[in-house]
Amino acid sequence: MNTDDLFVLWKEAQPGYEPFCNDGILVEESWNTQRPKIAFVLKESNDGFHDIRGRGYWPGPRGSSPLFWRNLNIWSYTVKKCFNGEPLDFEEARGHKEDFVDHIAYVNLKKKAEYRSISNDADIQDYVDRDWPFIEKQLSLINPDVLFCCGTYKYIKNHLQPDHLGLGVYRSQGKIVVDFYHPSGRRVGYKRRFERLREMLKNLRISPAE
């Protein structure tokens, strides 16, 4: 089974999910070169941004801000350096904020696109609980080394049965799970988020190959 096959079954099971969020690995060629491979887990699509696979982004499609993509770049670069045991500082990480985004997977928990700018917790949880077998299968097909939860860990934690490794970091079924901010949030700046993420990951020294 591949993602297209899964989405056919998913839409058959939930015919009311229209438009259906076509998400996952952005660009296979770039994804296959990554170590570690990082899947960002989001809540739902916003402002028509639901047909995601097969392309890279910068400065972002309609419905997503440059801040969103800049944070994904800084965070994915920070995770990569930490997981491979390589030193880094903020200026180095920030230097990658303008990179073209084609190297990640992007997964919305809610597959029915309703273009909401603000999500409802109970609504997202209902979709997760109803669709978990499909969500779990999609994540299995993507097979990332890291599930990077952007304000979404609270919705999926009961399904993961995770082992707690440290501040906001867990292991589930051989994958590292990171509980972090949403990339569009503006209350905390680039540097403070970078420092928090580095602190969360600095002592793990975990290679995806382990």
C-alpha atoms as a PDB file:
ATOM      1  CA  MET A   1       0.000   0.000   0.000  1.00  0.00           C
ATOM      2  CA  ASN A   2       1.137   3.560  -0.702  1.00  0.00           C
ATOM      3  CA  THR A   3      -0.271   6.912   0.397  1.00  0.00           C
ATOM      4  CA  ASP A   4      -2.572   7.205  -2.621  1.00  0.00           C
ATOM      5  CA  ASP A   5      -4.093   3.802  -1.838  1.00  0.00           C
ATOM      6  CA  LEU A   6      -4.555   4.793   1.800  1.00  0.00           C
ATOM      7  CA  PHE A   7      -6.271   8.046   0.889  1.00  0.00           C
ATOM      8  CA  VAL A   8      -8.702   6.194  -1.387  1.00  0.00           C
ATOM      9  CA  LEU A   9      -9.726   3.966   1.529  1.00  0.00           C
ATOM     10  CA  TRP A  10      -9.848   6.931   3.909  1.00  0.00           C
ATOM     11  CA  LYS A  11     -12.146   8.923   1.643  1.00  0.00           C
ATOM     12  CA  GLU A  12     -14.376   5.891   1.140  1.00  0.00           C
ATOM     13  CA  ALA A  13     -14.672   5.533   4.920  1.00  0.00           C
ATOM     14  CA  GLN A  14     -15.278   9.275   5.389  1.00  0.00           C
ATOM     15  CA  PRO A  15     -17.026  10.574   2.244  1.00  0.00           C
ATOM     16  CA  GLY A  16     -17.846  13.851   3.973  1.00  0.00           C
ATOM     17  CA  TYR A  17     -14.184  14.848   4.102  1.00  0.00           C
ATOM     18  CA  GLU A  18     -14.280  17.299   1.207  1.00  0.00           C
ATOM     19  CA  PRO A  19     -11.924  18.807   0.323  1.00  0.00           C
ATOM     20  CA  PHE A  20      -9.631  16.062   1.580  1.00  0.00           C
ATOM     21  CA  CYS A  21      -6.214  17.167   2.787  1.00  0.00           C
ATOM     22  CA  ASN A  22      -3.632  15.666   0.442  1.00  0.00           C
ATOM     23  CA  ASP A  23      -0.588  15.836   2.701  1.00  0.00           C
ATOM     24  CA  GLY A  24       2.512  13.833   3.599  1.00  0.00           C
ATOM     25  CA  ILE A  25       6.016  13.816   2.143  1.00  0.00           C
ATOM     26  CA  LEU A  26       6.532  17.041   0.213  1.00  0.00           C
ATOM     27  CA  VAL A  27       9.210  15.954  -2.286  1.00  0.00           C
ATOM     28  CA  GLU A  28      10.315  12.319  -2.276  1.00  0.00           C
ATOM     29  CA  GLU A  29      13.759  12.989  -3.766  1.00  0.00           C
ATOM     30  CA  SER A  30      14.669  15.471  -1.034  1.00  0.00           C
ATOM     31  CA  TRP A  31      13.034  13.416   1.717  1.00  0.00           C
ATOM     32  CA  ASN A  32      15.068  10.333   0.851  1.00  0.00           C
ATOM     33  CA  THR A  33      18.362  12.170   1.466  1.00  0.00           C
ATOM     34  CA  GLN A  34      17.476  13.333   4.985  1.00  0.00           C
ATOM     35  CA  ARG A  35      19.004  12.001   8.183  1.00  0.00           C
ATOM     36  CA  PRO A  36      16.953  12.151  10.315  1.00  0.00           C
ATOM     37  CA  LYS A  37      13.675  12.256   8.428  1.00  0.00           C
ATOM     38  CA  ILE A  38      11.254  14.645  10.144  1.00  0.00           C
ATOM     39  CA  ALA A  39       7.461  14.643   9.884  1.00  0.00           C
ATOM     40  CA  PHE A  40       5.798  17.777  11.216  1.00  0.00           C
ATOM     41  CA  VAL A  41       2.380  17.016  12.701  1.00  0.00           C
ATOM     42  CA  LEU A  42      -0.112  19.895  12.382  1.00  0.00           C
ATOM     43  CA  LYS A  43      -3.772  20.286  13.327  1.00  0.00           C
ATOM     44  CA  GLU A  44      -5.630  21.138  10.095  1.00  0.00           C
ATOM     45  CA  SER A  45      -5.302  23.018   6.833  1.00  0.00           C
ATOM     46  CA  ASN A  46      -5.842  26.756   6.813  1.00  0.00           C
ATOM     47  CA  ASP A  47      -7.172  29.066   4.102  1.00  0.00           C
ATOM     48  CA  GLY A  48      -7.250  26.600   1.206  1.00  0.00           C
ATOM     49  CA  PHE A  49      -3.816  25.094   1.837  1.00  0.00           C
ATOM     50  CA  HIS A  50      -4.681  21.412   1.581  1.00  0.00           C
ATOM     51  CA  ASP A  51      -3.109  20.032  -1.624  1.00  0.00           C
ATOM     52  CA  ILE A  52       0.423  19.784  -0.298  1.00  0.00           C
ATOM     53  CA  ARG A  53       2.281  16.760  -1.624  1.00  0.00           C
ATOM     54  CA  GLY A  54       4.651  16.867  -4.557  1.00  0.00           C
ATOM     55  CA  ARG A  55       6.041  20.374  -4.221  1.00  0.00           C
ATOM     56  CA  GLY A  56       8.283  22.525  -2.090  1.00  0.00           C
ATOM     57  CA  TYR A  57       7.463  25.894  -0.611  1.00  0.00           C
ATOM     58  CA  TRP A  58       8.889  29.348  -0.123  1.00  0.00           C
ATOM     59  CA  PRO A  59       7.854  31.901   0.954  1.00  0.00           C
ATOM     60  CA  GLY A  60       4.714  29.883   1.470  1.00  0.00           C
ATOM     61  CA  PRO A  61       1.439  29.319  -0.369  1.00  0.00           C
ATOM     62  CA  ARG A  62      -1.729  31.237   0.277  1.00  0.00           C
ATOM     63  CA  GLY A  63      -2.739  30.532   3.857  1.00  0.00           C
ATOM     64  CA  SER A  64       0.767  30.203   5.276  1.00  0.00           C
ATOM     65  CA  SER A  65       3.108  32.946   6.368  1.00  0.00           C
ATOM     66  CA  PRO A  66       6.880  33.218   5.898  1.00  0.00           C
ATOM     67  CA  LEU A  67       7.152  32.912   9.706  1.00  0.00           C
ATOM     68  CA  PHE A  68       5.626  29.442   9.486  1.00  0.00           C
ATOM     69  CA  TRP A  69       8.155  28.183   6.940  1.00  0.00           C
ATOM     70  CA  ARG A  70      11.094  29.931   8.591  1.00  0.00           C
ATOM     71  CA  ASN A  71      10.370  28.153  11.854  1.00  0.00           C
ATOM     72  CA  LEU A  72      10.105  24.785  10.112  1.00  0.00           C
ATOM     73  CA  ASN A  73      13.516  25.401   8.551  1.00  0.00           C
ATOM     74  CA  ILE A  74      15.171  26.459  11.806  1.00  0.00           C
ATOM     75  CA  TRP A  75      13.624  23.600  13.747  1.00  0.00           C
ATOM     76  CA  SER A  76      14.414  20.886  11.211  1.00  0.00           C
ATOM     77  CA  TYR A  77      18.009  22.104  10.972  1.00  0.00           C
ATOM     78  CA  THR A  78      18.317  22.146  14.779  1.00  0.00           C
ATOM     79  CA  VAL A  79      16.912  18.620  15.082  1.00  0.00           C
ATOM     80  CA  LYS A  80      19.292  17.361  12.412  1.00  0.00           C
ATOM     81  CA  LYS A  81      22.365  18.814  14.076  1.00  0.00           C
ATOM     82  CA  CYS A  82      21.379  17.623  17.554  1.00  0.00           C
ATOM     83  CA  PHE A  83      20.507  14.106  16.433  1.00  0.00           C
ATOM     84  CA  ASN A  84      23.796  13.761  14.630  1.00  0.00           C
ATOM     85  CA  GLY A  85      25.723  15.013  17.644  1.00  0.00           C
ATOM     86  CA  GLU A  86      26.996  18.131  15.906  1.00  0.00           C
ATOM     87  CA  PRO A  87      27.402  21.509  17.642  1.00  0.00           C
ATOM     88  CA  LEU A  88      25.392  24.494  16.476  1.00  0.00           C
ATOM     89  CA  ASP A  89      24.428  27.970  17.559  1.00  0.00           C
ATOM     90  CA  PHE A  90      21.473  30.234  16.916  1.00  0.00           C
ATOM     91  CA  GLU A  91      23.060  32.284  14.157  1.00  0.00           C
ATOM     92  CA  GLU A  92      23.942  29.137  12.262  1.00  0.00           C
ATOM     93  CA  ALA A  93      20.410  27.778  12.565  1.00  0.00           C
ATOM     94  CA  ARG A  94      18.826  31.114  11.677  1.00  0.00           C
ATOM     95  CA  GLY A  95      20.974  31.214   8.570  1.00  0.00           C
ATOM     96  CA  HIS A  96      18.788  28.433   7.163  1.00  0.00           C
ATOM     97  CA  LYS A  97      15.432  30.127   7.723  1.00  0.00           C
ATOM     98  CA  GLU A  98      15.139  31.191   4.078  1.00  0.00           C
ATOM     99  CA  ASP A  99      15.808  27.705   2.694  1.00  0.00           C
ATOM    100  CA  PHE A 100      13.354  26.205   0.221  1.00  0.00           C
ATOM    101  CA  VAL A 101      11.143  23.745   2.126  1.00  0.00           C
ATOM    102  CA  ASP A 102      11.055  20.419   0.328  1.00  0.00           C
ATOM    103  CA  HIS A 103      12.845  18.104   2.761  1.00  0.00           C
ATOM    104  CA  ILE A 104      10.108  17.319   5.293  1.00  0.00           C
ATOM    105  CA  ALA A 105       6.803  15.520   5.645  1.00  0.00           C
ATOM    106  CA  TYR A 106       3.784  17.586   6.639  1.00  0.00           C
ATOM    107  CA  VAL A 107       0.789  15.805   8.161  1.00  0.00           C
ATOM    108  CA  ASN A 108      -2.511  17.320   9.253  1.00  0.00           C
ATOM    109  CA  LEU A 109      -4.410  15.319  11.852  1.00  0.00           C
ATOM    110  CA  LYS A 110      -7.739  16.561  10.517  1.00  0.00           C
ATOM    111  CA  LYS A 111      -8.126  15.596   6.886  1.00  0.00           C
ATOM    112  CA  LYS A 112     -11.341  17.502   6.197  1.00  0.00           C
ATOM    113  CA  ALA A 113     -10.268  20.953   5.052  1.00  0.00           C
ATOM    114  CA  GLU A 114     -12.511  23.601   6.581  1.00  0.00           C
ATOM    115  CA  TYR A 115     -10.048  26.496   6.247  1.00  0.00           C
ATOM    116  CA  ARG A 116     -10.172  27.459   9.903  1.00  0.00           C
ATOM    117  CA  SER A 117      -7.611  29.945  11.157  1.00  0.00           C
ATOM    118  CA  ILE A 118      -8.281  28.868  14.761  1.00  0.00           C
ATOM    119  CA  SER A 119      -8.784  25.210  15.622  1.00  0.00           C
ATOM    120  CA  ASN A 120     -11.114  23.795  18.240  1.00  0.00           C
ATOM    121  CA  ASP A 121      -9.479  21.285  20.582  1.00  0.00           C
ATOM    122  CA  ALA A 122     -12.528  19.044  20.928  1.00  0.00           C
ATOM    123  CA  ASP A 123     -13.022  19.034  17.149  1.00  0.00           C
ATOM    124  CA  ILE A 124      -9.426  18.019  16.449  1.00  0.00           C
ATOM    125  CA  GLN A 125      -9.550  15.329  19.132  1.00  0.00           C
ATOM    126  CA  ASP A 126     -12.737  13.877  17.633  1.00  0.00           C
ATOM    127  CA  TYR A 127     -11.067  13.604  14.221  1.00  0.00           C
ATOM    128  CA  VAL A 128      -7.962  11.998  15.719  1.00  0.00           C
ATOM    129  CA  ASP A 129      -9.914   9.422  17.708  1.00  0.00           C
ATOM    130  CA  ARG A 130     -12.184   8.594  14.752  1.00  0.00           C
ATOM    131  CA  ASP A 131      -9.405   8.380  12.188  1.00  0.00           C
ATOM    132  CA  TRP A 132      -6.499   7.072  14.236  1.00  0.00           C
ATOM    133  CA  PRO A 133      -6.107   3.794  12.289  1.00  0.00           C
ATOM    134  CA  PHE A 134      -5.725   5.849   9.097  1.00  0.00           C
ATOM    135  CA  ILE A 135      -3.443   8.434  10.722  1.00  0.00           C
ATOM    136  CA  GLU A 136      -1.295   5.682  12.181  1.00  0.00           C
ATOM    137  CA  LYS A 137      -1.063   3.984   8.788  1.00  0.00           C
ATOM    138  CA  GLN A 138      -0.094   7.242   7.077  1.00  0.00           C
ATOM    139  CA  LEU A 139       2.681   7.833   9.606  1.00  0.00           C
ATOM    140  CA  SER A 140       3.825   4.241   9.132  1.00  0.00           C
ATOM    141  CA  LEU A 141       4.024   4.726   5.351  1.00  0.00           C
ATOM    142  CA  ILE A 142       5.959   7.969   5.754  1.00  0.00           C
ATOM    143  CA  ASN A 143       8.185   6.237   8.315  1.00  0.00           C
ATOM    144  CA  PRO A 144       9.933   9.291   9.789  1.00  0.00           C
ATOM    145  CA  ASP A 145      12.637   9.152  12.427  1.00  0.00           C
ATOM    146  CA  VAL A 146      11.089  12.114  14.235  1.00  0.00           C
ATOM    147  CA  LEU A 147       7.450  13.084  14.782  1.00  0.00           C
ATOM    148  CA  PHE A 148       7.639  16.804  15.455  1.00  0.00           C
ATOM    149  CA  CYS A 149       4.318  17.767  17.019  1.00  0.00           C
ATOM    150  CA  CYS A 150       3.461  21.429  16.463  1.00  0.00           C
ATOM    151  CA  GLY A 151       1.011  21.921  19.308  1.00  0.00           C
ATOM    152  CA  THR A 152      -0.491  18.528  18.483  1.00  0.00           C
ATOM    153  CA  TYR A 153       1.101  16.108  20.933  1.00  0.00           C
ATOM    154  CA  LYS A 154      -1.851  16.409  23.314  1.00  0.00           C
ATOM    155  CA  TYR A 155      -4.180  14.965  20.673  1.00  0.00           C
ATOM    156  CA  ILE A 156      -2.160  11.861  19.869  1.00  0.00           C
ATOM    157  CA  LYS A 157      -0.291  10.995  23.064  1.00  0.00           C
ATOM    158  CA  ASN A 158      -2.885   8.475  24.259  1.00  0.00           C
ATOM    159  CA  HIS A 159      -2.564   6.603  20.965  1.00  0.00           C
ATOM    160  CA  LEU A 160       1.241   6.495  21.000  1.00  0.00           C
ATOM    161  CA  GLN A 161       1.948   4.900  24.393  1.00  0.00           C
ATOM    162  CA  PRO A 162       5.173   6.912  24.542  1.00  0.00           C
ATOM    163  CA  ASP A 163       8.180   6.531  26.806  1.00  0.00           C
ATOM    164  CA  HIS A 164       9.253   9.837  28.340  1.00  0.00           C
ATOM    165  CA  LEU A 165      12.899  10.644  27.560  1.00  0.00           C
ATOM    166  CA  GLY A 166      13.144  14.207  28.829  1.00  0.00           C
ATOM    167  CA  LEU A 167      11.697  17.691  28.553  1.00  0.00           C
ATOM    168  CA  GLY A 168       9.051  17.462  25.826  1.00  0.00           C
ATOM    169  CA  VAL A 169      10.731  14.457  24.176  1.00  0.00           C
ATOM    170  CA  TYR A 170       9.387  10.907  23.958  1.00  0.00           C
ATOM    171  CA  ARG A 171       9.991   7.634  22.153  1.00  0.00           C
ATOM    172  CA  SER A 172       7.205   5.634  20.545  1.00  0.00           C
ATOM    173  CA  GLN A 173       7.586   2.586  18.317  1.00  0.00           C
ATOM    174  CA  GLY A 174      11.219   3.398  17.603  1.00  0.00           C
ATOM    175  CA  LYS A 175      10.521   7.026  16.710  1.00  0.00           C
ATOM    176  CA  ILE A 176      11.378  10.184  18.592  1.00  0.00           C
ATOM    177  CA  VAL A 177       8.375  12.383  19.359  1.00  0.00           C
ATOM    178  CA  VAL A 178       8.905  16.082  20.069  1.00  0.00           C
ATOM    179  CA  ASP A 179       6.220  18.194  21.759  1.00  0.00           C
ATOM    180  CA  PHE A 180       6.788  21.775  20.604  1.00  0.00           C
ATOM    181  CA  TYR A 181       5.154  25.036  19.531  1.00  0.00           C
ATOM    182  CA  HIS A 182       3.062  25.750  16.473  1.00  0.00           C
ATOM    183  CA  PRO A 183       5.280  27.411  13.829  1.00  0.00           C
ATOM    184  CA  SER A 184       2.933  30.367  13.302  1.00  0.00           C
ATOM    185  CA  GLY A 185       2.924  31.470  16.939  1.00  0.00           C
ATOM    186  CA  ARG A 186       4.408  34.908  17.547  1.00  0.00           C
ATOM    187  CA  ARG A 187       4.594  35.094  21.341  1.00  0.00           C
ATOM    188  CA  VAL A 188       8.046  33.532  21.488  1.00  0.00           C
ATOM    189  CA  GLY A 189      10.757  34.633  19.067  1.00  0.00           C
ATOM    190  CA  TYR A 190      13.134  32.595  16.928  1.00  0.00           C
ATOM    191  CA  LYS A 191      15.980  32.626  19.457  1.00  0.00           C
ATOM    192  CA  ARG A 192      14.012  31.540  22.516  1.00  0.00           C
ATOM    193  CA  ARG A 193      12.403  28.694  20.588  1.00  0.00           C
ATOM    194  CA  PHE A 194      15.769  27.613  19.220  1.00  0.00           C
ATOM    195  CA  GLU A 195      17.288  27.613  22.711  1.00  0.00           C
ATOM    196  CA  ARG A 196      14.400  25.603  24.110  1.00  0.00           C
ATOM    197  CA  LEU A 197      14.569  23.022  21.328  1.00  0.00           C
ATOM    198  CA  ARG A 198      18.332  22.676  21.656  1.00  0.00           C
ATOM    199  CA  GLU A 199      17.937  22.217  25.413  1.00  0.00           C
ATOM    200  CA  MET A 200      15.311  19.529  24.845  1.00  0.00           C
ATOM    201  CA  LEU A 201      17.512  17.569  22.443  1.00  0.00           C
ATOM    202  CA  LYS A 202      21.075  18.277  23.536  1.00  0.00           C
ATOM    203  CA  ASN A 203      21.525  15.290  25.854  1.00  0.00           C
ATOM    204  CA  LEU A 204      19.800  12.691  23.704  1.00  0.00           C
ATOM    205  CA  ARG A 205      22.598  12.082  21.233  1.00  0.00           C
ATOM    206  CA  ILE A 206      20.245   9.693  19.475  1.00  0.00           C
ATOM    207  CA  SER A 207      20.958   8.696  15.918  1.00  0.00           C
ATOM    208  CA  PRO A 208      17.998   7.462  13.866  1.00  0.00           C
ATOM    209  CA  ALA A 209      20.100   4.423  13.042  1.00  0.00           C
ATOM    210  CA  GLU A 210      20.023   3.244  16.675  1.00  0.00           C
END
